[in-house]
Amino acid sequence: MTAVAGVPCRDAVSRLWEYLDGELAGPDADAIRQHLETCARCFPHTEFQRAYREYMAQSAHAPLPPELRRRVFEALLAEMDAGGAADAPRAPGSLRALIDRVFGKG
């Protein structure tokens, strides 16, 4: 097991998200930062997680197309109905009726 700055790889990687989120402070933060930025074994993992985190932050603001949202809601409803027909009548106050109104069906 590799140890850099007195921190074993296992410990550095287990605290990776705390480090990336800026939740570490003081000597712990310095030791973890030094390990993650200089360890040949951990550095690629750290950079991948950093890039993934940035991608997720950017894509979280992109709106989903309405048809995709509708398909997701319909899939959830189908699971909730568990055996009910997709064309079953919609009670006026039901979740299915609300989704139909929001997405313009029915």
PDB file of N, CA and C in Angstrom:
ATOM      1  N   MET A   1       0.848  -1.175   0.000  1.00  0.00           N
ATOM      2  CA  MET A   1       0.000   0.000   0.000  1.00  0.00           C
ATOM      3  C   MET A   1       0.895   1.241   0.000  1.00  0.00           C
ATOM      4  N   THR A   2       0.566   2.179  -0.864  1.00  0.00           N
ATOM      5  CA  THR A   2       1.344   3.405  -0.990  1.00  0.00           C
ATOM      6  C   THR A   2       0.892   4.418   0.050  1.00  0.00           C
ATOM      7  N   ALA A   3       1.840   5.158   0.583  1.00  0.00           N
ATOM      8  CA  ALA A   3       1.532   6.255   1.500  1.00  0.00           C
ATOM      9  C   ALA A   3       2.314   7.479   1.043  1.00  0.00           C
ATOM     10  N   VAL A   4       1.615   8.567   0.847  1.00  0.00           N
ATOM     11  CA  VAL A   4       2.233   9.838   0.467  1.00  0.00           C
ATOM     12  C   VAL A   4       1.808  10.852   1.513  1.00  0.00           C
ATOM     13  N   ALA A   5       2.730  11.664   1.970  1.00  0.00           N
ATOM     14  CA  ALA A   5       2.462  12.663   3.011  1.00  0.00           C
ATOM     15  C   ALA A   5       1.909  12.001   4.266  1.00  0.00           C
ATOM     16  N   GLY A   6       2.331  10.754   4.494  1.00  0.00           N
ATOM     17  CA  GLY A   6       1.881  10.038   5.681  1.00  0.00           C
ATOM     18  C   GLY A   6       0.451   9.533   5.597  1.00  0.00           C
ATOM     19  N   VAL A   7      -0.142   9.612   4.411  1.00  0.00           N
ATOM     20  CA  VAL A   7      -1.540   9.194   4.234  1.00  0.00           C
ATOM     21  C   VAL A   7      -1.581   7.998   3.284  1.00  0.00           C
ATOM     22  N   PRO A   8      -2.111   6.857   3.722  1.00  0.00           N
ATOM     23  CA  PRO A   8      -2.251   5.709   2.823  1.00  0.00           C
ATOM     24  C   PRO A   8      -3.277   6.011   1.722  1.00  0.00           C
ATOM     25  N   CYS A   9      -3.111   5.389   0.576  1.00  0.00           N
ATOM     26  CA  CYS A   9      -4.028   5.592  -0.551  1.00  0.00           C
ATOM     27  C   CYS A   9      -5.490   5.359  -0.141  1.00  0.00           C
ATOM     28  N   ARG A  10      -5.711   4.303   0.602  1.00  0.00           N
ATOM     29  CA  ARG A  10      -7.075   3.977   1.010  1.00  0.00           C
ATOM     30  C   ARG A  10      -7.715   5.143   1.774  1.00  0.00           C
ATOM     31  N   ASP A  11      -6.972   5.765   2.668  1.00  0.00           N
ATOM     32  CA  ASP A  11      -7.496   6.894   3.447  1.00  0.00           C
ATOM     33  C   ASP A  11      -7.715   8.124   2.567  1.00  0.00           C
ATOM     34  N   ALA A  12      -6.770   8.359   1.663  1.00  0.00           N
ATOM     35  CA  ALA A  12      -6.901   9.523   0.782  1.00  0.00           C
ATOM     36  C   ALA A  12      -8.122   9.394  -0.115  1.00  0.00           C
ATOM     37  N   VAL A  13      -8.305   8.226  -0.704  1.00  0.00           N
ATOM     38  CA  VAL A  13      -9.445   8.024  -1.601  1.00  0.00           C
ATOM     39  C   VAL A  13     -10.758   8.041  -0.831  1.00  0.00           C
ATOM     40  N   SER A  14     -10.756   7.532   0.389  1.00  0.00           N
ATOM     41  CA  SER A  14     -12.004   7.539   1.166  1.00  0.00           C
ATOM     42  C   SER A  14     -12.427   8.955   1.546  1.00  0.00           C
ATOM     43  N   ARG A  15     -11.499   9.890   1.505  1.00  0.00           N
ATOM     44  CA  ARG A  15     -11.821  11.287   1.842  1.00  0.00           C
ATOM     45  C   ARG A  15     -11.839  12.173   0.603  1.00  0.00           C
ATOM     46  N   LEU A  16     -11.792  11.563  -0.571  1.00  0.00           N
ATOM     47  CA  LEU A  16     -11.727  12.299  -1.828  1.00  0.00           C
ATOM     48  C   LEU A  16     -12.880  13.273  -1.995  1.00  0.00           C
ATOM     49  N   TRP A  17     -14.105  12.830  -1.752  1.00  0.00           N
ATOM     50  CA  TRP A  17     -15.263  13.724  -1.957  1.00  0.00           C
ATOM     51  C   TRP A  17     -15.263  14.867  -0.954  1.00  0.00           C
ATOM     52  N   GLU A  18     -14.845  14.596   0.276  1.00  0.00           N
ATOM     53  CA  GLU A  18     -14.711  15.682   1.256  1.00  0.00           C
ATOM     54  C   GLU A  18     -13.712  16.718   0.750  1.00  0.00           C
ATOM     55  N   TYR A  19     -12.614  16.233   0.190  1.00  0.00           N
ATOM     56  CA  TYR A  19     -11.585  17.127  -0.339  1.00  0.00           C
ATOM     57  C   TYR A  19     -12.139  17.933  -1.521  1.00  0.00           C
ATOM     58  N   LEU A  20     -12.763  17.261  -2.474  1.00  0.00           N
ATOM     59  CA  LEU A  20     -13.293  17.952  -3.652  1.00  0.00           C
ATOM     60  C   LEU A  20     -14.394  18.943  -3.295  1.00  0.00           C
ATOM     61  N   ASP A  21     -15.155  18.630  -2.259  1.00  0.00           N
ATOM     62  CA  ASP A  21     -16.240  19.524  -1.831  1.00  0.00           C
ATOM     63  C   ASP A  21     -15.762  20.649  -0.928  1.00  0.00           C
ATOM     64  N   GLY A  22     -14.457  20.678  -0.605  1.00  0.00           N
ATOM     65  CA  GLY A  22     -13.915  21.728   0.246  1.00  0.00           C
ATOM     66  C   GLY A  22     -14.312  21.589   1.702  1.00  0.00           C
ATOM     67  N   GLU A  23     -14.606  20.367   2.126  1.00  0.00           N
ATOM     68  CA  GLU A  23     -15.055  20.130   3.498  1.00  0.00           C
ATOM     69  C   GLU A  23     -13.916  19.787   4.451  1.00  0.00           C
ATOM     70  N   LEU A  24     -12.712  19.647   3.948  1.00  0.00           N
ATOM     71  CA  LEU A  24     -11.557  19.357   4.810  1.00  0.00           C
ATOM     72  C   LEU A  24     -10.840  20.654   5.136  1.00  0.00           C
ATOM     73  N   ALA A  25     -10.278  20.721   6.323  1.00  0.00           N
ATOM     74  CA  ALA A  25      -9.546  21.929   6.729  1.00  0.00           C
ATOM     75  C   ALA A  25      -8.290  21.528   7.481  1.00  0.00           C
ATOM     76  N   GLY A  26      -7.381  22.455   7.565  1.00  0.00           N
ATOM     77  CA  GLY A  26      -6.178  22.281   8.375  1.00  0.00           C
ATOM     78  C   GLY A  26      -5.221  21.249   7.842  1.00  0.00           C
ATOM     79  N   PRO A  27      -4.479  20.629   8.757  1.00  0.00           N
ATOM     80  CA  PRO A  27      -3.448  19.664   8.361  1.00  0.00           C
ATOM     81  C   PRO A  27      -4.025  18.462   7.595  1.00  0.00           C
ATOM     82  N   ASP A  28      -5.225  18.027   7.970  1.00  0.00           N
ATOM     83  CA  ASP A  28      -5.843  16.910   7.244  1.00  0.00           C
ATOM     84  C   ASP A  28      -6.018  17.265   5.775  1.00  0.00           C
ATOM     85  N   ALA A  29      -6.528  18.450   5.513  1.00  0.00           N
ATOM     86  CA  ALA A  29      -6.751  18.892   4.136  1.00  0.00           C
ATOM     87  C   ALA A  29      -5.440  18.960   3.378  1.00  0.00           C
ATOM     88  N   ASP A  30      -4.415  19.493   4.011  1.00  0.00           N
ATOM     89  CA  ASP A  30      -3.106  19.612   3.356  1.00  0.00           C
ATOM     90  C   ASP A  30      -2.533  18.237   3.018  1.00  0.00           C
ATOM     91  N   ALA A  31      -2.612  17.316   3.956  1.00  0.00           N
ATOM     92  CA  ALA A  31      -2.060  15.973   3.739  1.00  0.00           C
ATOM     93  C   ALA A  31      -2.835  15.241   2.641  1.00  0.00           C
ATOM     94  N   ILE A  32      -4.154  15.325   2.681  1.00  0.00           N
ATOM     95  CA  ILE A  32      -4.984  14.664   1.667  1.00  0.00           C
ATOM     96  C   ILE A  32      -4.722  15.296   0.304  1.00  0.00           C
ATOM     97  N   ARG A  33      -4.669  16.637   0.244  1.00  0.00           N
ATOM     98  CA  ARG A  33      -4.397  17.336  -1.020  1.00  0.00           C
ATOM     99  C   ARG A  33      -3.062  16.906  -1.593  1.00  0.00           C
ATOM    100  N   GLN A  34      -2.043  16.909  -0.748  1.00  0.00           N
ATOM    101  CA  GLN A  34      -0.711  16.527  -1.214  1.00  0.00           C
ATOM    102  C   GLN A  34      -0.710  15.103  -1.737  1.00  0.00           C
ATOM    103  N   HIS A  35      -1.363  14.208  -1.012  1.00  0.00           N
ATOM    104  CA  HIS A  35      -1.416  12.812  -1.452  1.00  0.00           C
ATOM    105  C   HIS A  35      -2.128  12.710  -2.796  1.00  0.00           C
ATOM    106  N   LEU A  36      -3.343  13.253  -2.888  1.00  0.00           N
ATOM    107  CA  LEU A  36      -4.148  13.098  -4.087  1.00  0.00           C
ATOM    108  C   LEU A  36      -3.517  13.752  -5.315  1.00  0.00           C
ATOM    109  N   GLU A  37      -2.759  14.828  -5.097  1.00  0.00           N
ATOM    110  CA  GLU A  37      -2.161  15.532  -6.230  1.00  0.00           C
ATOM    111  C   GLU A  37      -0.804  14.972  -6.646  1.00  0.00           C
ATOM    112  N   THR A  38      -0.163  14.164  -5.792  1.00  0.00           N
ATOM    113  CA  THR A  38       1.177  13.677  -6.134  1.00  0.00           C
ATOM    114  C   THR A  38       1.282  12.166  -6.259  1.00  0.00           C
ATOM    115  N   CYS A  39       0.333  11.434  -5.765  1.00  0.00           N
ATOM    116  CA  CYS A  39       0.394   9.970  -5.820  1.00  0.00           C
ATOM    117  C   CYS A  39       0.049   9.497  -7.241  1.00  0.00           C
ATOM    118  N   ALA A  40       0.974   8.798  -7.854  1.00  0.00           N
ATOM    119  CA  ALA A  40       0.752   8.313  -9.225  1.00  0.00           C
ATOM    120  C   ALA A  40      -0.432   7.359  -9.302  1.00  0.00           C
ATOM    121  N   ARG A  41      -0.727   6.688  -8.230  1.00  0.00           N
ATOM    122  CA  ARG A  41      -1.846   5.741  -8.200  1.00  0.00           C
ATOM    123  C   ARG A  41      -3.189   6.458  -8.016  1.00  0.00           C
ATOM    124  N   CYS A  42      -3.221   7.493  -7.192  1.00  0.00           N
ATOM    125  CA  CYS A  42      -4.475   8.182  -6.861  1.00  0.00           C
ATOM    126  C   CYS A  42      -4.792   9.368  -7.772  1.00  0.00           C
ATOM    127  N   PHE A  43      -3.762   9.990  -8.343  1.00  0.00           N
ATOM    128  CA  PHE A  43      -3.974  11.199  -9.140  1.00  0.00           C
ATOM    129  C   PHE A  43      -4.966  10.983 -10.287  1.00  0.00           C
ATOM    130  N   PRO A  44      -4.851   9.926 -11.094  1.00  0.00           N
ATOM    131  CA  PRO A  44      -5.825   9.747 -12.181  1.00  0.00           C
ATOM    132  C   PRO A  44      -7.252   9.595 -11.660  1.00  0.00           C
ATOM    133  N   HIS A  45      -7.405   8.872 -10.568  1.00  0.00           N
ATOM    134  CA  HIS A  45      -8.727   8.699  -9.956  1.00  0.00           C
ATOM    135  C   HIS A  45      -9.282  10.049  -9.496  1.00  0.00           C
ATOM    136  N   THR A  46      -8.419  10.850  -8.900  1.00  0.00           N
ATOM    137  CA  THR A  46      -8.817  12.172  -8.412  1.00  0.00           C
ATOM    138  C   THR A  46      -9.243  13.057  -9.565  1.00  0.00           C
ATOM    139  N   GLU A  47      -8.473  13.071 -10.633  1.00  0.00           N
ATOM    140  CA  GLU A  47      -8.813  13.907 -11.780  1.00  0.00           C
ATOM    141  C   GLU A  47     -10.100  13.460 -12.445  1.00  0.00           C
ATOM    142  N   PHE A  48     -10.326  12.146 -12.522  1.00  0.00           N
ATOM    143  CA  PHE A  48     -11.576  11.645 -13.089  1.00  0.00           C
ATOM    144  C   PHE A  48     -12.759  12.105 -12.247  1.00  0.00           C
ATOM    145  N   GLN A  49     -12.668  11.959 -10.931  1.00  0.00           N
ATOM    146  CA  GLN A  49     -13.767  12.357 -10.050  1.00  0.00           C
ATOM    147  C   GLN A  49     -14.002  13.860 -10.114  1.00  0.00           C
ATOM    148  N   ARG A  50     -12.938  14.632 -10.222  1.00  0.00           N
ATOM    149  CA  ARG A  50     -13.064  16.088 -10.331  1.00  0.00           C
ATOM    150  C   ARG A  50     -13.787  16.454 -11.637  1.00  0.00           C
ATOM    151  N   ALA A  51     -13.386  15.827 -12.741  1.00  0.00           N
ATOM    152  CA  ALA A  51     -14.026  16.085 -14.035  1.00  0.00           C
ATOM    153  C   ALA A  51     -15.487  15.642 -14.006  1.00  0.00           C
ATOM    154  N   TYR A  52     -15.760  14.498 -13.394  1.00  0.00           N
ATOM    155  CA  TYR A  52     -17.131  13.997 -13.275  1.00  0.00           C
ATOM    156  C   TYR A  52     -17.983  14.967 -12.464  1.00  0.00           C
ATOM    157  N   ARG A  53     -17.444  15.440 -11.370  1.00  0.00           N
ATOM    158  CA  ARG A  53     -18.166  16.392 -10.509  1.00  0.00           C
ATOM    159  C   ARG A  53     -18.487  17.673 -11.271  1.00  0.00           C
ATOM    160  N   GLU A  54     -17.524  18.191 -12.034  1.00  0.00           N
ATOM    161  CA  GLU A  54     -17.750  19.400 -12.822  1.00  0.00           C
ATOM    162  C   GLU A  54     -18.803  19.165 -13.904  1.00  0.00           C
ATOM    163  N   TYR A  55     -18.723  18.012 -14.568  1.00  0.00           N
ATOM    164  CA  TYR A  55     -19.710  17.684 -15.594  1.00  0.00           C
ATOM    165  C   TYR A  55     -21.114  17.622 -15.006  1.00  0.00           C
ATOM    166  N   MET A  56     -21.247  16.949 -13.866  1.00  0.00           N
ATOM    167  CA  MET A  56     -22.568  16.824 -13.224  1.00  0.00           C
ATOM    168  C   MET A  56     -23.095  18.190 -12.806  1.00  0.00           C
ATOM    169  N   ALA A  57     -22.241  19.053 -12.306  1.00  0.00           N
ATOM    170  CA  ALA A  57     -22.667  20.392 -11.895  1.00  0.00           C
ATOM    171  C   ALA A  57     -23.159  21.187 -13.098  1.00  0.00           C
ATOM    172  N   GLN A  58     -22.480  21.072 -14.228  1.00  0.00           N
ATOM    173  CA  GLN A  58     -22.887  21.800 -15.424  1.00  0.00           C
ATOM    174  C   GLN A  58     -24.155  21.224 -16.032  1.00  0.00           C
ATOM    175  N   SER A  59     -24.257  19.897 -16.089  1.00  0.00           N
ATOM    176  CA  SER A  59     -25.411  19.287 -16.738  1.00  0.00           C
ATOM    177  C   SER A  59     -26.653  19.329 -15.856  1.00  0.00           C
ATOM    178  N   ALA A  60     -26.489  19.560 -14.568  1.00  0.00           N
ATOM    179  CA  ALA A  60     -27.647  19.625 -13.677  1.00  0.00           C
ATOM    180  C   ALA A  60     -28.524  20.825 -13.996  1.00  0.00           C
ATOM    181  N   HIS A  61     -27.964  21.822 -14.652  1.00  0.00           N
ATOM    182  CA  HIS A  61     -28.724  23.023 -14.982  1.00  0.00           C
ATOM    183  C   HIS A  61     -29.403  22.937 -16.342  1.00  0.00           C
ATOM    184  N   ALA A  62     -29.088  21.911 -17.103  1.00  0.00           N
ATOM    185  CA  ALA A  62     -29.700  21.749 -18.422  1.00  0.00           C
ATOM    186  C   ALA A  62     -31.112  21.186 -18.244  1.00  0.00           C
ATOM    187  N   PRO A  63     -32.112  21.833 -18.830  1.00  0.00           N
ATOM    188  CA  PRO A  63     -33.482  21.340 -18.682  1.00  0.00           C
ATOM    189  C   PRO A  63     -33.687  20.047 -19.470  1.00  0.00           C
ATOM    190  N   LEU A  64     -34.516  19.176 -18.916  1.00  0.00           N
ATOM    191  CA  LEU A  64     -34.859  17.945 -19.613  1.00  0.00           C
ATOM    192  C   LEU A  64     -35.935  18.249 -20.648  1.00  0.00           C
ATOM    193  N   PRO A  65     -35.856  17.614 -21.803  1.00  0.00           N
ATOM    194  CA  PRO A  65     -36.915  17.805 -22.801  1.00  0.00           C
ATOM    195  C   PRO A  65     -38.260  17.334 -22.229  1.00  0.00           C
ATOM    196  N   PRO A  66     -39.349  18.052 -22.528  1.00  0.00           N
ATOM    197  CA  PRO A  66     -40.667  17.691 -21.974  1.00  0.00           C
ATOM    198  C   PRO A  66     -41.058  16.243 -22.242  1.00  0.00           C
ATOM    199  N   GLU A  67     -40.764  15.729 -23.426  1.00  0.00           N
ATOM    200  CA  GLU A  67     -41.151  14.345 -23.734  1.00  0.00           C
ATOM    201  C   GLU A  67     -40.401  13.350 -22.854  1.00  0.00           C
ATOM    202  N   LEU A  68     -39.143  13.630 -22.552  1.00  0.00           N
ATOM    203  CA  LEU A  68     -38.385  12.751 -21.662  1.00  0.00           C
ATOM    204  C   LEU A  68     -38.977  12.787 -20.260  1.00  0.00           C
ATOM    205  N   ARG A  69     -39.312  13.993 -19.766  1.00  0.00           N
ATOM    206  CA  ARG A  69     -39.932  14.089 -18.437  1.00  0.00           C
ATOM    207  C   ARG A  69     -41.226  13.291 -18.397  1.00  0.00           C
ATOM    208  N   ARG A  70     -42.037  13.408 -19.449  1.00  0.00           N
ATOM    209  CA  ARG A  70     -43.310  12.695 -19.497  1.00  0.00           C
ATOM    210  C   ARG A  70     -43.073  11.183 -19.462  1.00  0.00           C
ATOM    211  N   ARG A  71     -42.101  10.705 -20.241  1.00  0.00           N
ATOM    212  CA  ARG A  71     -41.828   9.257 -20.274  1.00  0.00           C
ATOM    213  C   ARG A  71     -41.375   8.758 -18.908  1.00  0.00           C
ATOM    214  N   VAL A  72     -40.579   9.561 -18.204  1.00  0.00           N
ATOM    215  CA  VAL A  72     -40.133   9.170 -16.865  1.00  0.00           C
ATOM    216  C   VAL A  72     -41.330   9.083 -15.921  1.00  0.00           C
ATOM    217  N   PHE A  73     -42.200  10.101 -15.947  1.00  0.00           N
ATOM    218  CA  PHE A  73     -43.383  10.073 -15.090  1.00  0.00           C
ATOM    219  C   PHE A  73     -44.286   8.896 -15.438  1.00  0.00           C
ATOM    220  N   GLU A  74     -44.454   8.623 -16.708  1.00  0.00           N
ATOM    221  CA  GLU A  74     -45.304   7.497 -17.105  1.00  0.00           C
ATOM    222  C   GLU A  74     -44.713   6.171 -16.645  1.00  0.00           C
ATOM    223  N   ALA A  75     -43.397   6.042 -16.715  1.00  0.00           N
ATOM    224  CA  ALA A  75     -42.763   4.812 -16.233  1.00  0.00           C
ATOM    225  C   ALA A  75     -42.969   4.660 -14.732  1.00  0.00           C
ATOM    226  N   LEU A  76     -42.865   5.768 -13.993  1.00  0.00           N
ATOM    227  CA  LEU A  76     -43.109   5.713 -12.554  1.00  0.00           C
ATOM    228  C   LEU A  76     -44.555   5.330 -12.265  1.00  0.00           C
ATOM    229  N   LEU A  77     -45.481   5.902 -13.005  1.00  0.00           N
ATOM    230  CA  LEU A  77     -46.894   5.568 -12.819  1.00  0.00           C
ATOM    231  C   LEU A  77     -47.167   4.107 -13.133  1.00  0.00           C
ATOM    232  N   ALA A  78     -46.551   3.607 -14.185  1.00  0.00           N
ATOM    233  CA  ALA A  78     -46.752   2.209 -14.550  1.00  0.00           C
ATOM    234  C   ALA A  78     -46.295   1.297 -13.421  1.00  0.00           C
ATOM    235  N   GLU A  79     -45.188   1.654 -12.788  1.00  0.00           N
ATOM    236  CA  GLU A  79     -44.723   0.856 -11.653  1.00  0.00           C
ATOM    237  C   GLU A  79     -45.675   0.967 -10.479  1.00  0.00           C
ATOM    238  N   MET A  80     -46.203   2.174 -10.258  1.00  0.00           N
ATOM    239  CA  MET A  80     -47.149   2.370  -9.152  1.00  0.00           C
ATOM    240  C   MET A  80     -48.422   1.581  -9.398  1.00  0.00           C
ATOM    241  N   ASP A  81     -48.882   1.580 -10.639  1.00  0.00           N
ATOM    242  CA  ASP A  81     -50.120   0.876 -10.977  1.00  0.00           C
ATOM    243  C   ASP A  81     -49.954  -0.629 -10.888  1.00  0.00           C
ATOM    244  N   ALA A  82     -48.752  -1.115 -11.146  1.00  0.00           N
ATOM    245  CA  ALA A  82     -48.422  -2.546 -11.081  1.00  0.00           C
ATOM    246  C   ALA A  82     -49.544  -3.422 -11.611  1.00  0.00           C
ATOM    247  N   GLY A  83     -49.672  -3.427 -12.896  1.00  0.00           N
ATOM    248  CA  GLY A  83     -50.678  -4.285 -13.509  1.00  0.00           C
ATOM    249  C   GLY A  83     -51.854  -3.518 -14.068  1.00  0.00           C
ATOM    250  N   GLY A  84     -51.994  -2.251 -13.736  1.00  0.00           N
ATOM    251  CA  GLY A  84     -53.074  -1.457 -14.302  1.00  0.00           C
ATOM    252  C   GLY A  84     -52.782  -1.115 -15.746  1.00  0.00           C
ATOM    253  N   ALA A  85     -53.775  -1.030 -16.558  1.00  0.00           N
ATOM    254  CA  ALA A  85     -53.595  -0.714 -17.979  1.00  0.00           C
ATOM    255  C   ALA A  85     -53.154   0.733 -18.138  1.00  0.00           C
ATOM    256  N   ALA A  86     -52.300   0.965 -19.099  1.00  0.00           N
ATOM    257  CA  ALA A  86     -51.813   2.321 -19.350  1.00  0.00           C
ATOM    258  C   ALA A  86     -52.934   3.236 -19.815  1.00  0.00           C
ATOM    259  N   ASP A  87     -53.957   2.667 -20.431  1.00  0.00           N
ATOM    260  CA  ASP A  87     -55.080   3.470 -20.931  1.00  0.00           C
ATOM    261  C   ASP A  87     -56.237   3.516 -19.937  1.00  0.00           C
ATOM    262  N   ALA A  88     -56.012   3.104 -18.698  1.00  0.00           N
ATOM    263  CA  ALA A  88     -57.079   3.091 -17.697  1.00  0.00           C
ATOM    264  C   ALA A  88     -57.631   4.497 -17.502  1.00  0.00           C
ATOM    265  N   PRO A  89     -58.947   4.611 -17.183  1.00  0.00           N
ATOM    266  CA  PRO A  89     -59.532   5.938 -16.948  1.00  0.00           C
ATOM    267  C   PRO A  89     -58.794   6.665 -15.830  1.00  0.00           C
ATOM    268  N   ARG A  90     -58.723   7.976 -15.968  1.00  0.00           N
ATOM    269  CA  ARG A  90     -58.008   8.770 -14.987  1.00  0.00           C
ATOM    270  C   ARG A  90     -58.997   9.487 -14.079  1.00  0.00           C
ATOM    271  N   ALA A  91     -58.902   9.217 -12.787  1.00  0.00           N
ATOM    272  CA  ALA A  91     -59.752   9.925 -11.833  1.00  0.00           C
ATOM    273  C   ALA A  91     -59.310  11.384 -11.808  1.00  0.00           C
ATOM    274  N   PRO A  92     -60.241  12.352 -11.733  1.00  0.00           N
ATOM    275  CA  PRO A  92     -59.880  13.769 -11.815  1.00  0.00           C
ATOM    276  C   PRO A  92     -58.798  14.208 -10.836  1.00  0.00           C
ATOM    277  N   GLY A  93     -58.728  13.649  -9.655  1.00  0.00           N
ATOM    278  CA  GLY A  93     -57.738  14.085  -8.676  1.00  0.00           C
ATOM    279  C   GLY A  93     -56.499  13.202  -8.602  1.00  0.00           C
ATOM    280  N   SER A  94     -56.356  12.274  -9.531  1.00  0.00           N
ATOM    281  CA  SER A  94     -55.248  11.328  -9.458  1.00  0.00           C
ATOM    282  C   SER A  94     -53.943  11.944  -9.939  1.00  0.00           C
ATOM    283  N   LEU A  95     -52.866  11.310  -9.535  1.00  0.00           N
ATOM    284  CA  LEU A  95     -51.549  11.745  -9.982  1.00  0.00           C
ATOM    285  C   LEU A  95     -51.441  11.626 -11.495  1.00  0.00           C
ATOM    286  N   ARG A  96     -52.017  10.577 -12.049  1.00  0.00           N
ATOM    287  CA  ARG A  96     -51.986  10.380 -13.496  1.00  0.00           C
ATOM    288  C   ARG A  96     -52.711  11.521 -14.209  1.00  0.00           C
ATOM    289  N   ALA A  97     -53.840  11.961 -13.684  1.00  0.00           N
ATOM    290  CA  ALA A  97     -54.579  13.069 -14.287  1.00  0.00           C
ATOM    291  C   ALA A  97     -53.785  14.368 -14.201  1.00  0.00           C
ATOM    292  N   LEU A  98     -53.111  14.588 -13.079  1.00  0.00           N
ATOM    293  CA  LEU A  98     -52.273  15.785 -12.917  1.00  0.00           C
ATOM    294  C   LEU A  98     -51.153  15.787 -13.944  1.00  0.00           C
ATOM    295  N   ILE A  99     -50.486  14.658 -14.112  1.00  0.00           N
ATOM    296  CA  ILE A  99     -49.404  14.578 -15.075  1.00  0.00           C
ATOM    297  C   ILE A  99     -49.928  14.824 -16.484  1.00  0.00           C
ATOM    298  N   ASP A 100     -51.100  14.283 -16.800  1.00  0.00           N
ATOM    299  CA  ASP A 100     -51.700  14.531 -18.116  1.00  0.00           C
ATOM    300  C   ASP A 100     -51.955  16.014 -18.331  1.00  0.00           C
ATOM    301  N   ARG A 101     -52.428  16.713 -17.302  1.00  0.00           N
ATOM    302  CA  ARG A 101     -52.682  18.152 -17.445  1.00  0.00           C
ATOM    303  C   ARG A 101     -51.365  18.922 -17.607  1.00  0.00           C
ATOM    304  N   VAL A 102     -50.374  18.579 -16.799  1.00  0.00           N
ATOM    305  CA  VAL A 102     -49.088  19.298 -16.853  1.00  0.00           C
ATOM    306  C   VAL A 102     -48.418  19.108 -18.205  1.00  0.00           C
ATOM    307  N   PHE A 103     -48.505  17.899 -18.757  1.00  0.00           N
ATOM    308  CA  PHE A 103     -47.805  17.617 -20.016  1.00  0.00           C
ATOM    309  C   PHE A 103     -48.731  17.673 -21.226  1.00  0.00           C
ATOM    310  N   GLY A 104     -49.957  18.137 -21.037  1.00  0.00           N
ATOM    311  CA  GLY A 104     -50.830  18.402 -22.170  1.00  0.00           C
ATOM    312  C   GLY A 104     -51.465  17.192 -22.828  1.00  0.00           C
ATOM    313  N   LYS A 105     -51.682  16.121 -22.120  1.00  0.00           N
ATOM    314  CA  LYS A 105     -52.348  14.955 -22.691  1.00  0.00           C
ATOM    315  C   LYS A 105     -53.679  14.776 -21.968  1.00  0.00           C
ATOM    316  N   GLY A 106     -54.680  14.447 -22.723  1.00  0.00           N
ATOM    317  CA  GLY A 106     -55.977  14.139 -22.100  1.00  0.00           C
ATOM    318  C   GLY A 106     -56.869  15.327 -21.919  1.00  0.00           C
TER     319      GLY A 106
END
